[in-house]
Each structure stands twice: as C-alpha cells, then as structure tokens.
Amino acid sequence: MSYNQALSAYRETRVRTASQGSLIIMLYDEAIKRIGAAITLFDDDFKKNPARIETANGHILKSQEIITELMASLDMQAGGEISRNLFALYTWFNQQLIEGNMEKKPEKLESVKNLMEQLRGAWIEVVNNTAVPSPVQSAPAGINIAG
C-alpha cells in the first residue's frame, strides 16, 4: 500500500469513526483552510493570472459547500434559537463569500474566516465539555501490540 493510499484510508477511517461534534469541527477546519488559501491568492498579481483566479474560486466554492453542509446539519426543532441564529450566520457567510469572490475583496473572506475560527473554538469547548469519558483500557499482558 502506497503512502497516499494509507493516508487516504486513515482519513476515511477518522471521518467514519468521529463523533458528530468532531465532524463539525472537521468541517470548520476545512472551510477555514480553504478560505485562508483563497485569501493568500488575492494579491496585486491576482487579476493578471487566470490560474490564480480559478484556484481561489475553487477554494471559495468548496468553503460554500461546507457551509451549506453545516446549514443542512442544523436541527431547527431541537436547536431552537441557536439553530436559527447559526442558520442566519451561515447564510451571511455564504453571501460574504459570494461578494468577496465576485469583487475580489479579501477583507470579506477574512471576516468570514475570523468568525468561523471563533465558532470552531466554541465547538471545541462544546465537544470537550460534553464528551462522555470512556474508561481507558490497557492491552492484556502478553500481546505484542508493536506488530
């Protein structure tokens, strides 16, 4: 198995076995990473290089897809006002990303990225404070766990 195949298998297993809260954090991580990548492509030479425009656009579109997934994951009945507020915020995020992409204004992307980083921090607190601790089990004696 090649390194890339092993890495892909690891990532797939990580996603399949993650808790719902951990999956949300992963979505935030990826959106923040993509928005950051688009921001770095916005510079003086941006409009002169069509490949950079296309790459930045791809990052922004992927971020929008992730935000749409976050919107779809909201439980509007159980979440009540918090879900409604998050939905409105996610809608605003997507609007800012659209405008930033069309106008090529990194400050619009930066504001979304900063707020997503704050929300990610809040989700980490929620996950860490609500996770059900499981007892740590040691390996039975006599088993070679090294291979």
C-alpha atoms as a PDB file:
ATOM      1  CA  MET A   1       0.000   0.000   0.000  1.00  0.00           C
ATOM      2  CA  SER A   2       1.448   3.350  -1.016  1.00  0.00           C
ATOM      3  CA  TYR A   3       1.761   6.280   1.359  1.00  0.00           C
ATOM      4  CA  ASN A   4      -1.079   8.169  -0.358  1.00  0.00           C
ATOM      5  CA  GLN A   5      -3.386   5.149  -0.160  1.00  0.00           C
ATOM      6  CA  ALA A   6      -2.568   4.681   3.520  1.00  0.00           C
ATOM      7  CA  LEU A   7      -3.162   8.362   4.232  1.00  0.00           C
ATOM      8  CA  SER A   8      -6.473   8.251   2.377  1.00  0.00           C
ATOM      9  CA  ALA A   9      -7.558   5.147   4.312  1.00  0.00           C
ATOM     10  CA  TYR A  10      -6.582   6.811   7.593  1.00  0.00           C
ATOM     11  CA  ARG A  11      -8.568   9.940   6.769  1.00  0.00           C
ATOM     12  CA  GLU A  12     -11.601   7.914   5.745  1.00  0.00           C
ATOM     13  CA  THR A  13     -11.479   5.896   8.969  1.00  0.00           C
ATOM     14  CA  ARG A  14     -11.049   9.084  11.004  1.00  0.00           C
ATOM     15  CA  VAL A  15     -14.191  10.580   9.458  1.00  0.00           C
ATOM     16  CA  ARG A  16     -16.245   7.382   9.762  1.00  0.00           C
ATOM     17  CA  THR A  17     -15.423   6.947  13.439  1.00  0.00           C
ATOM     18  CA  ALA A  18     -15.666  10.597  14.505  1.00  0.00           C
ATOM     19  CA  SER A  19     -18.410  11.891  16.752  1.00  0.00           C
ATOM     20  CA  GLN A  20     -20.925  14.375  15.380  1.00  0.00           C
ATOM     21  CA  GLY A  21     -19.182  17.223  17.195  1.00  0.00           C
ATOM     22  CA  SER A  22     -15.803  16.170  15.839  1.00  0.00           C
ATOM     23  CA  LEU A  23     -17.226  16.067  12.313  1.00  0.00           C
ATOM     24  CA  ILE A  24     -18.478  19.636  12.695  1.00  0.00           C
ATOM     25  CA  ILE A  25     -15.018  20.724  13.835  1.00  0.00           C
ATOM     26  CA  MET A  26     -13.505  18.948  10.814  1.00  0.00           C
ATOM     27  CA  LEU A  27     -15.883  20.854   8.542  1.00  0.00           C
ATOM     28  CA  TYR A  28     -14.882  24.125  10.170  1.00  0.00           C
ATOM     29  CA  ASP A  29     -11.201  23.211   9.833  1.00  0.00           C
ATOM     30  CA  GLU A  30     -11.535  22.547   6.122  1.00  0.00           C
ATOM     31  CA  ALA A  31     -13.603  25.676   5.432  1.00  0.00           C
ATOM     32  CA  ILE A  32     -11.145  27.856   7.357  1.00  0.00           C
ATOM     33  CA  LYS A  33      -8.234  26.273   5.485  1.00  0.00           C
ATOM     34  CA  ARG A  34      -9.912  26.839   2.103  1.00  0.00           C
ATOM     35  CA  ILE A  35     -10.843  30.448   2.864  1.00  0.00           C
ATOM     36  CA  GLY A  36      -7.281  31.100   4.044  1.00  0.00           C
ATOM     37  CA  ALA A  37      -5.911  29.622   0.825  1.00  0.00           C
ATOM     38  CA  ALA A  38      -8.189  31.876  -1.244  1.00  0.00           C
ATOM     39  CA  ILE A  39      -7.123  34.929   0.766  1.00  0.00           C
ATOM     40  CA  THR A  40      -3.446  34.227   0.081  1.00  0.00           C
ATOM     41  CA  LEU A  41      -4.180  34.158  -3.656  1.00  0.00           C
ATOM     42  CA  PHE A  42      -5.678  37.672  -3.547  1.00  0.00           C
ATOM     43  CA  ASP A  43      -2.747  39.991  -4.172  1.00  0.00           C
ATOM     44  CA  ASP A  44      -1.546  42.542  -6.734  1.00  0.00           C
ATOM     45  CA  ASP A  45      -0.952  39.929  -9.445  1.00  0.00           C
ATOM     46  CA  PHE A  46      -4.254  38.185  -8.806  1.00  0.00           C
ATOM     47  CA  LYS A  47      -6.209  39.605 -11.727  1.00  0.00           C
ATOM     48  CA  LYS A  48      -3.291  39.144 -14.138  1.00  0.00           C
ATOM     49  CA  ASN A  49      -3.070  35.411 -13.577  1.00  0.00           C
ATOM     50  CA  PRO A  50      -6.215  33.486 -14.587  1.00  0.00           C
ATOM     51  CA  ALA A  51      -4.967  30.292 -12.947  1.00  0.00           C
ATOM     52  CA  ARG A  52      -4.904  32.023  -9.557  1.00  0.00           C
ATOM     53  CA  ILE A  53      -8.437  33.306 -10.114  1.00  0.00           C
ATOM     54  CA  GLU A  54      -9.654  29.800 -10.884  1.00  0.00           C
ATOM     55  CA  THR A  55      -7.829  28.288  -7.910  1.00  0.00           C
ATOM     56  CA  ALA A  56      -9.173  30.920  -5.494  1.00  0.00           C
ATOM     57  CA  ASN A  57     -12.655  30.411  -6.903  1.00  0.00           C
ATOM     58  CA  GLY A  58     -12.352  26.665  -6.277  1.00  0.00           C
ATOM     59  CA  HIS A  59     -11.362  27.255  -2.652  1.00  0.00           C
ATOM     60  CA  ILE A  60     -14.249  29.653  -2.115  1.00  0.00           C
ATOM     61  CA  LEU A  61     -16.770  27.295  -3.730  1.00  0.00           C
ATOM     62  CA  LYS A  62     -15.580  24.412  -1.555  1.00  0.00           C
ATOM     63  CA  SER A  63     -15.978  26.644   1.520  1.00  0.00           C
ATOM     64  CA  GLN A  64     -19.510  27.473   0.440  1.00  0.00           C
ATOM     65  CA  GLU A  65     -20.295  23.768   0.043  1.00  0.00           C
ATOM     66  CA  ILE A  66     -19.023  23.120   3.555  1.00  0.00           C
ATOM     67  CA  ILE A  67     -21.069  25.983   4.986  1.00  0.00           C
ATOM     68  CA  THR A  68     -24.138  24.652   3.166  1.00  0.00           C
ATOM     69  CA  GLU A  69     -23.460  21.249   4.753  1.00  0.00           C
ATOM     70  CA  LEU A  70     -23.270  22.919   8.171  1.00  0.00           C
ATOM     71  CA  MET A  71     -26.612  24.586   7.446  1.00  0.00           C
ATOM     72  CA  ALA A  72     -28.163  21.255   6.460  1.00  0.00           C
ATOM     73  CA  SER A  73     -26.899  19.642   9.659  1.00  0.00           C
ATOM     74  CA  LEU A  74     -28.792  22.057  11.903  1.00  0.00           C
ATOM     75  CA  ASP A  75     -31.717  20.574  13.816  1.00  0.00           C
ATOM     76  CA  MET A  76     -34.102  23.510  13.748  1.00  0.00           C
ATOM     77  CA  GLN A  77     -36.603  21.939  16.160  1.00  0.00           C
ATOM     78  CA  ALA A  78     -34.196  20.723  18.818  1.00  0.00           C
ATOM     79  CA  GLY A  79     -31.759  23.632  18.373  1.00  0.00           C
ATOM     80  CA  GLY A  80     -34.377  26.366  18.585  1.00  0.00           C
ATOM     81  CA  GLU A  81     -32.985  29.892  18.624  1.00  0.00           C
ATOM     82  CA  ILE A  82     -29.362  28.752  18.455  1.00  0.00           C
ATOM     83  CA  SER A  83     -30.046  26.834  15.229  1.00  0.00           C
ATOM     84  CA  ARG A  84     -31.923  29.779  13.749  1.00  0.00           C
ATOM     85  CA  ASN A  85     -29.060  32.135  14.621  1.00  0.00           C
ATOM     86  CA  LEU A  86     -26.452  29.765  13.178  1.00  0.00           C
ATOM     87  CA  PHE A  87     -28.530  29.385  10.018  1.00  0.00           C
ATOM     88  CA  ALA A  88     -28.671  33.170   9.615  1.00  0.00           C
ATOM     89  CA  LEU A  89     -24.932  33.432  10.257  1.00  0.00           C
ATOM     90  CA  TYR A  90     -24.132  30.677   7.757  1.00  0.00           C
ATOM     91  CA  THR A  91     -26.339  32.445   5.203  1.00  0.00           C
ATOM     92  CA  TRP A  92     -24.366  35.640   5.813  1.00  0.00           C
ATOM     93  CA  PHE A  93     -21.100  33.693   5.467  1.00  0.00           C
ATOM     94  CA  ASN A  94     -22.132  32.408   2.051  1.00  0.00           C
ATOM     95  CA  GLN A  95     -23.236  35.882   0.960  1.00  0.00           C
ATOM     96  CA  GLN A  96     -19.899  37.381   2.044  1.00  0.00           C
ATOM     97  CA  LEU A  97     -18.019  34.637   0.216  1.00  0.00           C
ATOM     98  CA  ILE A  98     -20.024  35.265  -2.963  1.00  0.00           C
ATOM     99  CA  GLU A  99     -19.397  39.006  -2.762  1.00  0.00           C
ATOM    100  CA  GLY A 100     -15.729  38.567  -1.885  1.00  0.00           C
ATOM    101  CA  ASN A 101     -15.301  36.183  -4.803  1.00  0.00           C
ATOM    102  CA  MET A 102     -17.072  38.441  -7.289  1.00  0.00           C
ATOM    103  CA  GLU A 103     -15.429  41.658  -6.093  1.00  0.00           C
ATOM    104  CA  LYS A 104     -12.056  40.024  -5.340  1.00  0.00           C
ATOM    105  CA  LYS A 105     -12.058  41.566  -1.864  1.00  0.00           C
ATOM    106  CA  PRO A 106     -10.073  39.527   0.650  1.00  0.00           C
ATOM    107  CA  GLU A 107     -11.448  41.508   3.606  1.00  0.00           C
ATOM    108  CA  LYS A 108     -14.878  39.922   3.071  1.00  0.00           C
ATOM    109  CA  LEU A 109     -13.279  36.485   3.143  1.00  0.00           C
ATOM    110  CA  GLU A 110     -11.199  37.437   6.169  1.00  0.00           C
ATOM    111  CA  SER A 111     -14.286  38.419   8.184  1.00  0.00           C
ATOM    112  CA  VAL A 112     -15.888  35.039   7.452  1.00  0.00           C
ATOM    113  CA  LYS A 113     -12.667  33.216   8.322  1.00  0.00           C
ATOM    114  CA  ASN A 114     -12.319  35.070  11.633  1.00  0.00           C
ATOM    115  CA  LEU A 115     -15.889  34.327  12.681  1.00  0.00           C
ATOM    116  CA  MET A 116     -15.552  30.690  11.651  1.00  0.00           C
ATOM    117  CA  GLU A 117     -12.409  30.408  13.780  1.00  0.00           C
ATOM    118  CA  GLN A 118     -14.360  31.755  16.755  1.00  0.00           C
ATOM    119  CA  LEU A 119     -17.222  29.322  16.157  1.00  0.00           C
ATOM    120  CA  ARG A 120     -14.740  26.474  15.782  1.00  0.00           C
ATOM    121  CA  GLY A 121     -13.320  27.366  19.187  1.00  0.00           C
ATOM    122  CA  ALA A 122     -16.810  27.295  20.664  1.00  0.00           C
ATOM    123  CA  TRP A 123     -17.464  23.877  19.119  1.00  0.00           C
ATOM    124  CA  ILE A 124     -14.232  22.554  20.564  1.00  0.00           C
ATOM    125  CA  GLU A 125     -15.390  23.689  24.007  1.00  0.00           C
ATOM    126  CA  VAL A 126     -18.762  22.002  23.497  1.00  0.00           C
ATOM    127  CA  VAL A 127     -17.191  18.750  22.317  1.00  0.00           C
ATOM    128  CA  ASN A 128     -14.626  18.705  25.122  1.00  0.00           C
ATOM    129  CA  ASN A 129     -17.179  19.503  27.819  1.00  0.00           C
ATOM    130  CA  THR A 130     -19.914  17.132  26.668  1.00  0.00           C
ATOM    131  CA  ALA A 131     -17.887  14.138  25.557  1.00  0.00           C
ATOM    132  CA  VAL A 132     -18.697  11.041  27.533  1.00  0.00           C
ATOM    133  CA  PRO A 133     -15.450   9.788  29.015  1.00  0.00           C
ATOM    134  CA  SER A 134     -14.728   6.185  28.272  1.00  0.00           C
ATOM    135  CA  PRO A 135     -12.539   4.134  30.537  1.00  0.00           C
ATOM    136  CA  VAL A 136      -9.028   3.660  29.239  1.00  0.00           C
ATOM    137  CA  GLN A 137      -8.313   0.003  28.825  1.00  0.00           C
ATOM    138  CA  SER A 138      -4.807  -1.315  28.813  1.00  0.00           C
ATOM    139  CA  ALA A 139      -3.741  -4.080  26.482  1.00  0.00           C
ATOM    140  CA  PRO A 140      -3.834  -7.510  28.079  1.00  0.00           C
ATOM    141  CA  ALA A 141      -0.416  -8.771  29.151  1.00  0.00           C
ATOM    142  CA  GLY A 142       1.360 -10.957  26.657  1.00  0.00           C
ATOM    143  CA  ILE A 143       0.003  -9.327  23.499  1.00  0.00           C
ATOM    144  CA  ASN A 144       2.539  -7.822  21.157  1.00  0.00           C
ATOM    145  CA  ILE A 145       0.927  -4.555  20.050  1.00  0.00           C
ATOM    146  CA  ALA A 146       4.046  -3.450  18.173  1.00  0.00           C
ATOM    147  CA  GLY A 147       3.442  -5.912  15.391  1.00  0.00           C
END
